């Protein structure tokens, strides 16, 4: 199991393996509402961490990031419905 980490300074996205304790904590049953809320918070965090990279005056446009952000927004809409 891995988690996504976004460097707020550079906007770099990396995948970091979870520790055994983190995996055990995640394995505990959680109410569906809490799971949904956690996922929405994670997706909104990813959007917030990459906001500046899609501004019109940002000097390094990245079509992949734009597409990923769109997918994150769609996932949020589905989870909130």
Protein backbone atom coordinates (compact mmCIF):
# COMPACT_ATOMS: atom_id res chain seq x y z
CA UNK A 1 0.00 0.00 0.00
CA UNK A 2 1.20 3.47 -0.85
CA UNK A 3 0.13 7.04 -0.29
CA UNK A 4 0.45 10.06 -2.54
CA UNK A 5 2.57 12.92 -1.21
CA UNK A 6 2.61 16.37 -2.78
CA UNK A 7 5.54 18.69 -2.09
CA UNK A 8 3.87 22.08 -1.53
CA UNK A 9 7.06 23.93 -2.42
CA UNK A 10 7.62 22.33 -5.83
CA UNK A 11 4.28 20.67 -6.54
CA UNK A 12 6.08 17.37 -7.15
CA UNK A 13 3.91 14.33 -6.57
CA UNK A 14 5.48 11.16 -5.20
CA UNK A 15 4.33 7.80 -3.92
CA UNK A 16 5.47 6.78 -0.44
CA UNK A 17 4.99 3.28 1.03
CA UNK A 18 2.90 3.09 4.19
CA UNK A 19 4.41 1.76 7.40
CA UNK A 20 3.08 -1.41 9.02
CA UNK A 21 1.34 0.69 11.71
CA UNK A 22 -0.35 2.87 9.08
CA UNK A 23 -1.53 -0.22 7.19
CA UNK A 24 -2.94 -1.72 10.41
CA UNK A 25 -4.78 1.54 11.15
CA UNK A 26 -6.25 1.62 7.65
CA UNK A 27 -7.35 -2.01 7.96
CA UNK A 28 -9.69 -1.12 10.84
CA UNK A 29 -13.31 -0.94 9.71
CA UNK A 30 -14.57 2.59 9.21
CA UNK A 31 -18.07 3.86 8.53
CA UNK A 32 -18.68 4.48 4.84
CA UNK A 33 -19.35 8.17 5.47
CA UNK A 34 -15.95 8.59 7.11
CA UNK A 35 -14.19 6.79 4.28
CA UNK A 36 -15.94 9.01 1.74
CA UNK A 37 -15.10 12.17 3.72
CA UNK A 38 -11.44 11.13 3.99
CA UNK A 39 -11.20 10.53 0.24
CA UNK A 40 -12.85 13.87 -0.56
CA UNK A 41 -10.42 15.63 1.79
CA UNK A 42 -7.47 13.87 0.14
CA UNK A 43 -8.61 14.85 -3.36
CA UNK A 44 -9.25 18.46 -2.34
CA UNK A 45 -5.77 18.54 -0.82
CA UNK A 46 -4.27 17.39 -4.10
CA UNK A 47 -6.18 20.11 -5.95
CA UNK A 48 -5.06 22.78 -3.49
CA UNK A 49 -1.43 21.65 -3.71
CA UNK A 50 -1.42 21.97 -7.49
CA UNK A 51 -3.53 25.13 -7.94
CA UNK A 52 -0.62 27.38 -8.84
CA UNK A 53 0.60 24.98 -11.54
CA UNK A 54 -2.48 25.56 -13.68
CA UNK A 55 -2.67 29.34 -13.43
CA UNK A 56 -2.59 31.11 -16.82
CA UNK A 57 0.72 32.81 -16.00
CA UNK A 58 2.50 29.65 -14.81
CA UNK A 59 5.53 29.16 -17.06
CA UNK A 60 5.42 25.34 -17.26
CA UNK A 61 1.98 24.18 -18.41
CA UNK A 62 1.39 20.46 -17.97
CA UNK A 63 -1.50 18.86 -19.87
CA UNK A 64 -1.18 15.68 -17.80
CA UNK A 65 -1.68 17.65 -14.58
CA UNK A 66 -4.69 19.46 -16.03
CA UNK A 67 -6.25 16.10 -16.93
CA UNK A 68 -5.44 14.67 -13.49
CA UNK A 69 -7.02 17.67 -11.76
CA UNK A 70 -10.16 17.19 -13.87
CA UNK A 71 -10.30 13.54 -12.82
CA UNK A 72 -9.92 14.57 -9.16
CA UNK A 73 -12.80 17.08 -9.49
CA UNK A 74 -15.01 14.45 -11.13
CA UNK A 75 -14.21 11.97 -8.36
CA UNK A 76 -15.13 14.58 -5.74
CA UNK A 77 -18.45 15.25 -7.48
CA UNK A 78 -19.25 11.51 -7.55
CA UNK A 79 -18.37 11.09 -3.88
CA UNK A 80 -20.40 14.11 -2.83
CA UNK A 81 -23.48 12.96 -4.77
